[in-house]
Protein backbone atom coordinates (compact mmCIF):
# COMPACT_ATOMS: atom_id res chain seq x y z
CA MET A 1 -32.88 17.73 45.11
CA ASP A 2 -30.01 20.16 44.47
CA GLN A 3 -30.75 20.89 40.82
CA GLU A 4 -30.67 24.66 41.33
CA LEU A 5 -27.26 24.32 43.01
CA TRP A 6 -25.90 22.20 40.15
CA ALA A 7 -27.23 24.73 37.61
CA ILE A 8 -25.51 27.60 39.43
CA LEU A 9 -22.24 25.66 39.72
CA ASP A 10 -22.31 24.75 36.03
CA ARG A 11 -23.18 28.28 34.93
CA HIS A 12 -20.51 29.81 37.18
CA ALA A 13 -17.82 27.42 35.93
CA ARG A 14 -18.67 28.16 32.28
CA LEU A 15 -18.78 31.89 32.92
CA SER A 16 -15.43 31.83 34.76
CA THR A 17 -13.84 30.01 31.81
CA SER A 18 -15.30 32.57 29.42
CA ILE A 19 -13.99 35.47 31.53
CA GLN A 20 -10.53 33.93 31.66
CA ALA A 21 -10.52 33.52 27.86
CA LEU A 22 -11.58 37.14 27.34
CA GLN A 23 -8.91 38.39 29.76
CA THR A 24 -6.17 36.66 27.77
CA LYS A 25 -7.55 37.72 24.39
CA VAL A 26 -5.09 39.80 22.39
CA PRO A 27 -5.67 42.43 21.13
CA SER A 28 -8.23 43.77 23.55
CA THR A 29 -10.93 45.67 21.69
CA HIS A 30 -13.64 47.98 23.00
CA GLU A 31 -16.21 45.29 22.27
CA SER A 32 -14.29 42.57 24.11
CA ARG A 33 -13.81 44.87 27.13
CA HIS A 34 -17.55 45.60 27.14
CA ILE A 35 -18.40 41.88 26.95
CA LEU A 36 -15.88 41.19 29.72
CA ALA A 37 -17.46 43.83 31.97
CA ILE A 38 -20.90 42.28 31.47
CA LYS A 39 -19.60 38.79 32.18
CA ILE A 40 -17.85 39.97 35.35
CA LEU A 41 -21.14 41.47 36.58
CA GLU A 42 -22.89 38.18 35.78
CA GLU A 43 -20.20 36.30 37.72
CA GLN A 44 -20.69 38.55 40.74
CA ILE A 45 -24.44 37.86 40.70
CA LEU A 46 -23.86 34.11 40.40
CA ARG A 47 -21.29 34.21 43.19
CA LYS A 48 -23.86 35.84 45.50
CA GLN A 49 -26.40 33.17 44.54
CA LEU A 50 -23.85 30.45 45.17
CA ILE A 51 -22.97 31.87 48.58
CA ASP A 52 -26.61 32.01 49.66
CA ILE A 53 -28.09 28.86 48.15
CA ARG A 54 -29.01 26.22 50.74
CA PRO A 55 -28.18 22.73 49.51
CA SER A 56 -30.81 20.11 50.28
CA THR A 57 -28.39 17.20 50.65
CA ASN A 58 -25.09 16.50 52.37
CA HIS A 59 -23.56 15.79 48.94
CA GLY A 60 -24.75 19.18 47.71
CA ALA A 61 -23.32 20.94 50.77
CA GLN A 62 -19.96 19.22 50.34
CA SER A 63 -19.91 20.01 46.62
CA LYS A 64 -20.69 23.66 47.30
CA LEU A 65 -17.89 23.96 49.86
CA ILE A 66 -15.38 22.18 47.63
CA TYR A 67 -16.32 24.33 44.62
CA LEU A 68 -16.00 27.54 46.63
CA SER A 69 -12.65 26.42 48.07
CA LEU A 70 -11.25 25.61 44.64
CA MET A 71 -12.62 28.83 43.14
CA LEU A 72 -11.05 30.95 45.87
CA ALA A 73 -7.72 29.12 45.57
CA LYS A 74 -7.68 29.46 41.79
CA THR A 75 -8.54 33.16 41.83
CA ARG A 76 -6.36 33.82 44.89
CA THR A 77 -9.22 35.67 46.53
CA SER A 78 -11.07 35.30 49.79
CA LEU A 79 -14.54 35.83 51.16
CA SER A 80 -15.43 38.69 53.45
CA GLU A 81 -16.39 37.73 56.99
CA SER A 82 -20.06 38.31 56.21
CA SER A 83 -19.92 36.20 53.03
CA PHE A 84 -18.14 33.42 54.91
CA ALA A 85 -20.82 33.53 57.61
CA ARG A 86 -23.55 33.32 54.92
CA VAL A 87 -21.85 30.27 53.39
CA MET A 88 -21.61 28.55 56.76
CA ARG A 89 -25.26 29.32 57.58
CA SER A 90 -26.29 27.86 54.23
CA VAL A 91 -24.72 24.49 55.04
CA GLU A 92 -25.03 24.45 58.84
CA ARG A 93 -27.57 21.64 58.96
CA PHE A 94 -24.96 19.31 57.43
CA LEU A 95 -22.08 20.24 59.75
C-alpha cells in the first residue's frame, strides 16, 4: 500500500524534531553545528522524496497533503511553483 509514504513521513517528522532540538541547543558547538548541517541536508532530501512520492490510496494522498500543509505552516515556509505542481501531479488521480 503506502508503506514507503508512511516511512518517509515518519522519518521526516523524527528528523524535523531532531533539527529543532539541535537549533535550540545552548551552547552551540562546532560538532553540533556540523550535525545540524548534515540533518538539514537529510531533511531536504526527504522533502524532495515526499513531494514526489505517489500515494497508492486516497488515504495516503490525503495524509500527504495534510502533512505537507502542517509542515509548511509550522515552518512558515512555502513551496515553489514547480514543487507545488509536483505535489499536485503526485496526487492528481485522487482529486
